[in-house]
């Protein structure tokens, strides 16, 4: 089956920072293929409105490698990985 790469493929996608909430693991920075231009963190909380027109909300993240707390602008998030919300509850009920 052929995949249409036309105009439907360019459908507007929400930027990753619009979906941030406490517990999410995120990639911050440049291309993941360059090991020094990005880092991974876990969202502690975000303050201010996060929207496509106002991406200047600040978020507090914990750097997963160093354990240090960092403040970033939400628009610096390039990818949301996943969250642990409810993860332990799901394991206990299985």
N, C-alpha and C. Protein backbone atom coordinates (compact mmCIF):
# COMPACT_ATOMS: atom_id res chain seq x y z
N UNK A 1 0.84 -1.16 0.00
CA UNK A 1 0.00 0.00 0.00
C UNK A 1 0.89 1.23 0.00
N UNK A 2 0.63 2.14 -0.88
CA UNK A 2 1.42 3.37 -0.99
C UNK A 2 1.00 4.36 0.10
N UNK A 3 1.98 5.11 0.57
CA UNK A 3 1.72 6.14 1.57
C UNK A 3 1.76 7.48 0.88
N UNK A 4 0.72 8.27 1.07
CA UNK A 4 0.63 9.59 0.46
C UNK A 4 1.54 10.56 1.21
N UNK A 5 2.50 11.12 0.52
CA UNK A 5 3.41 12.10 1.11
C UNK A 5 3.02 13.52 0.71
N UNK A 6 1.82 13.69 0.24
CA UNK A 6 1.35 15.00 -0.23
C UNK A 6 1.00 15.93 0.90
N UNK A 7 0.02 16.79 0.67
CA UNK A 7 -0.34 17.84 1.62
C UNK A 7 -0.85 17.28 2.94
N UNK A 8 -1.45 16.10 2.94
CA UNK A 8 -1.93 15.52 4.19
C UNK A 8 -0.78 15.19 5.13
N UNK A 9 0.40 14.92 4.59
CA UNK A 9 1.56 14.60 5.42
C UNK A 9 2.07 15.82 6.16
N UNK A 10 1.71 17.01 5.72
CA UNK A 10 2.19 18.22 6.36
C UNK A 10 1.15 18.80 7.33
N UNK A 11 0.30 17.96 7.88
CA UNK A 11 -0.70 18.39 8.83
C UNK A 11 -0.01 18.98 10.05
N UNK A 12 -0.55 20.09 10.55
CA UNK A 12 0.05 20.78 11.69
C UNK A 12 0.08 19.86 12.91
N UNK A 13 1.26 19.76 13.53
CA UNK A 13 1.40 18.98 14.75
C UNK A 13 1.71 19.93 15.90
N UNK A 14 1.17 19.62 17.06
CA UNK A 14 1.47 20.41 18.24
C UNK A 14 2.95 20.30 18.58
N UNK A 15 3.57 21.39 19.00
CA UNK A 15 4.94 21.30 19.47
C UNK A 15 4.98 20.48 20.75
N UNK A 16 6.08 19.78 21.01
CA UNK A 16 6.13 18.88 22.17
C UNK A 16 5.87 19.57 23.50
N UNK A 17 6.26 20.83 23.64
CA UNK A 17 6.11 21.50 24.93
C UNK A 17 4.67 21.74 25.33
N UNK A 18 3.74 21.65 24.41
CA UNK A 18 2.32 21.87 24.74
C UNK A 18 1.75 20.75 25.58
N UNK A 19 2.43 19.64 25.69
CA UNK A 19 1.90 18.48 26.40
C UNK A 19 2.66 18.17 27.69
N UNK A 20 3.46 19.11 28.16
CA UNK A 20 4.27 18.86 29.35
C UNK A 20 3.43 18.83 30.62
N UNK A 21 3.79 17.92 31.50
CA UNK A 21 3.24 17.90 32.84
C UNK A 21 4.22 17.16 33.74
N UNK A 22 4.05 17.34 35.03
CA UNK A 22 4.97 16.73 35.99
C UNK A 22 5.06 15.22 35.76
N UNK A 23 6.28 14.72 35.80
CA UNK A 23 6.52 13.29 35.61
C UNK A 23 7.02 12.93 34.23
N UNK A 24 6.77 13.75 33.23
CA UNK A 24 7.23 13.44 31.88
C UNK A 24 8.76 13.46 31.80
N UNK A 25 9.28 12.55 31.03
CA UNK A 25 10.70 12.56 30.68
C UNK A 25 10.80 13.26 29.34
N UNK A 26 11.77 14.15 29.19
CA UNK A 26 11.88 14.95 27.99
C UNK A 26 13.33 15.04 27.52
N UNK A 27 13.49 15.31 26.23
CA UNK A 27 14.78 15.63 25.65
C UNK A 27 14.81 17.14 25.48
N UNK A 28 15.88 17.76 25.95
CA UNK A 28 16.05 19.20 25.87
C UNK A 28 17.26 19.48 25.00
N UNK A 29 17.10 20.34 24.01
CA UNK A 29 18.23 20.74 23.20
C UNK A 29 18.18 20.22 21.79
N UNK A 30 19.36 20.11 21.21
CA UNK A 30 19.53 19.83 19.79
C UNK A 30 19.23 18.42 19.36
N UNK A 31 19.91 18.02 18.33
CA UNK A 31 19.71 16.72 17.70
C UNK A 31 20.16 15.60 18.62
N UNK A 32 19.31 14.57 18.84
CA UNK A 32 19.71 13.45 19.70
C UNK A 32 20.93 12.68 19.19
N UNK A 33 21.27 12.81 17.90
CA UNK A 33 22.43 12.10 17.36
C UNK A 33 23.75 12.72 17.81
N UNK A 34 23.73 13.98 18.25
CA UNK A 34 24.94 14.64 18.73
C UNK A 34 24.94 14.56 20.25
N UNK A 35 25.81 13.75 20.82
CA UNK A 35 25.74 13.42 22.25
C UNK A 35 25.95 14.61 23.18
N UNK A 36 26.53 15.69 22.75
CA UNK A 36 26.78 16.81 23.65
C UNK A 36 25.79 17.95 23.50
N UNK A 37 24.88 17.87 22.55
CA UNK A 37 23.98 19.00 22.32
C UNK A 37 22.61 18.84 22.95
N UNK A 38 22.38 17.74 23.68
CA UNK A 38 21.08 17.53 24.29
C UNK A 38 21.25 16.88 25.65
N UNK A 39 20.20 16.93 26.44
CA UNK A 39 20.19 16.22 27.71
C UNK A 39 18.77 15.78 28.02
N UNK A 40 18.65 14.82 28.93
CA UNK A 40 17.35 14.26 29.27
C UNK A 40 16.99 14.68 30.69
N UNK A 41 15.74 15.09 30.86
CA UNK A 41 15.28 15.50 32.17
C UNK A 41 13.89 15.00 32.47
N UNK A 42 13.52 15.12 33.74
CA UNK A 42 12.16 14.79 34.15
C UNK A 42 11.52 16.07 34.67
N UNK A 43 10.31 16.33 34.20
CA UNK A 43 9.60 17.56 34.56
C UNK A 43 9.16 17.49 36.01
N UNK A 44 9.55 18.51 36.79
CA UNK A 44 9.08 18.65 38.16
C UNK A 44 7.79 19.46 38.14
N UNK A 45 7.82 20.63 37.51
CA UNK A 45 6.59 21.40 37.28
C UNK A 45 6.88 22.52 36.29
N UNK A 46 5.81 23.06 35.72
CA UNK A 46 5.90 24.19 34.80
C UNK A 46 5.06 25.33 35.37
N UNK A 47 5.55 26.55 35.19
CA UNK A 47 4.78 27.70 35.63
C UNK A 47 4.50 28.59 34.44
N UNK A 48 3.36 29.21 34.46
CA UNK A 48 2.95 30.06 33.36
C UNK A 48 2.19 29.26 32.32
N UNK A 49 1.47 29.95 31.46
CA UNK A 49 0.68 29.26 30.44
C UNK A 49 1.58 28.68 29.35
N UNK A 50 1.32 27.43 28.98
CA UNK A 50 2.05 26.81 27.88
C UNK A 50 1.10 26.73 26.71
N UNK A 51 1.40 27.50 25.67
CA UNK A 51 0.59 27.46 24.46
C UNK A 51 1.49 27.73 23.27
N UNK A 52 0.96 27.48 22.10
CA UNK A 52 1.75 27.68 20.88
C UNK A 52 2.08 29.16 20.69
N UNK A 53 1.20 30.03 21.14
CA UNK A 53 1.44 31.46 20.96
C UNK A 53 2.23 32.06 22.11
N UNK A 54 2.35 31.34 23.22
CA UNK A 54 3.11 31.82 24.38
C UNK A 54 4.00 30.71 24.92
N UNK A 55 5.07 30.37 24.21
CA UNK A 55 5.91 29.24 24.62
C UNK A 55 6.97 29.63 25.66
N UNK A 56 6.78 30.77 26.33
CA UNK A 56 7.81 31.26 27.23
C UNK A 56 7.62 30.82 28.67
N UNK A 57 6.77 29.85 28.91
CA UNK A 57 6.59 29.32 30.25
C UNK A 57 7.90 28.66 30.68
N UNK A 58 8.17 28.74 31.96
CA UNK A 58 9.37 28.11 32.49
C UNK A 58 9.02 26.80 33.18
N UNK A 59 9.91 25.83 33.03
CA UNK A 59 9.71 24.52 33.65
C UNK A 59 10.94 24.17 34.46
N UNK A 60 10.70 23.52 35.58
CA UNK A 60 11.79 23.01 36.40
C UNK A 60 11.93 21.54 36.08
N UNK A 61 13.14 21.14 35.71
CA UNK A 61 13.43 19.76 35.36
C UNK A 61 14.55 19.24 36.23
N UNK A 62 14.58 17.93 36.41
CA UNK A 62 15.70 17.27 37.05
C UNK A 62 16.49 16.58 35.96
N UNK A 63 17.76 16.92 35.82
CA UNK A 63 18.65 16.28 34.85
C UNK A 63 18.84 14.83 35.29
N UNK A 64 18.45 13.86 34.45
CA UNK A 64 18.50 12.46 34.87
C UNK A 64 19.93 11.93 35.02
N UNK A 65 20.89 12.56 34.39
CA UNK A 65 22.27 12.10 34.50
C UNK A 65 22.95 12.63 35.76
N UNK A 66 22.74 13.91 36.07
CA UNK A 66 23.44 14.53 37.19
C UNK A 66 22.59 14.68 38.43
N UNK A 67 21.25 14.66 38.29
CA UNK A 67 20.36 14.87 39.41
C UNK A 67 20.15 16.34 39.76
N UNK A 68 20.79 17.23 39.01
CA UNK A 68 20.65 18.66 39.27
C UNK A 68 19.31 19.18 38.76
N UNK A 69 18.76 20.16 39.47
CA UNK A 69 17.53 20.81 39.05
C UNK A 69 17.90 21.94 38.09
N UNK A 70 17.18 22.05 36.99
CA UNK A 70 17.42 23.10 36.00
C UNK A 70 16.10 23.77 35.64
N UNK A 71 16.18 25.06 35.35
CA UNK A 71 15.04 25.80 34.82
C UNK A 71 15.27 26.03 33.34
N UNK A 72 14.25 25.77 32.54
CA UNK A 72 14.34 25.98 31.10
C UNK A 72 13.06 26.66 30.63
N UNK A 73 13.11 27.21 29.41
CA UNK A 73 11.87 27.64 28.77
C UNK A 73 11.25 26.41 28.13
N UNK A 74 9.94 26.31 28.21
CA UNK A 74 9.24 25.13 27.70
C UNK A 74 9.57 24.86 26.23
N UNK A 75 9.78 25.92 25.45
CA UNK A 75 10.04 25.74 24.02
C UNK A 75 11.38 25.06 23.74
N UNK A 76 12.24 24.89 24.76
CA UNK A 76 13.51 24.20 24.58
C UNK A 76 13.34 22.68 24.52
N UNK A 77 12.17 22.18 24.92
CA UNK A 77 11.90 20.74 24.87
C UNK A 77 11.71 20.33 23.42
N UNK A 78 12.49 19.35 22.98
CA UNK A 78 12.39 18.89 21.60
C UNK A 78 11.60 17.60 21.47
N UNK A 79 11.46 16.87 22.60
CA UNK A 79 10.70 15.62 22.54
C UNK A 79 10.24 15.22 23.94
N UNK A 80 9.00 14.78 24.04
CA UNK A 80 8.48 14.23 25.29
C UNK A 80 8.59 12.72 25.16
N UNK A 81 9.26 12.08 26.12
CA UNK A 81 9.48 10.64 26.04
C UNK A 81 8.30 9.86 26.62
N UNK A 82 8.06 9.95 27.92
CA UNK A 82 6.96 9.26 28.57
C UNK A 82 6.89 9.72 30.01
N UNK A 83 5.85 9.30 30.72
CA UNK A 83 5.68 9.68 32.12
C UNK A 83 5.46 8.43 32.95
N UNK A 84 5.78 8.53 34.22
CA UNK A 84 5.56 7.42 35.13
C UNK A 84 4.22 7.52 35.84
N UNK A 85 3.39 8.49 35.46
CA UNK A 85 2.09 8.67 36.11
C UNK A 85 1.30 7.38 36.07
N UNK A 86 0.99 6.84 37.23
CA UNK A 86 0.18 5.63 37.32
C UNK A 86 0.91 4.36 37.00
N UNK A 87 2.20 4.42 36.72
CA UNK A 87 2.95 3.24 36.31
C UNK A 87 2.96 2.18 37.41
N UNK A 88 3.27 2.56 38.64
CA UNK A 88 3.30 1.60 39.73
C UNK A 88 1.92 1.06 40.03
N UNK A 89 0.89 1.90 39.94
CA UNK A 89 -0.47 1.44 40.16
C UNK A 89 -0.85 0.37 39.14
N UNK A 90 -0.43 0.57 37.89
CA UNK A 90 -0.74 -0.40 36.84
C UNK A 90 -0.05 -1.73 37.11
N UNK A 91 1.18 -1.70 37.63
CA UNK A 91 1.89 -2.93 37.94
C UNK A 91 1.25 -3.67 39.11
N UNK A 92 0.82 -2.93 40.13
CA UNK A 92 0.20 -3.56 41.30
C UNK A 92 -1.12 -4.20 40.98
N UNK A 93 -1.87 -3.63 40.03
CA UNK A 93 -3.18 -4.19 39.71
C UNK A 93 -3.09 -5.35 38.72
N UNK A 94 -1.92 -5.59 38.14
CA UNK A 94 -1.76 -6.67 37.16
C UNK A 94 -1.62 -8.02 37.83
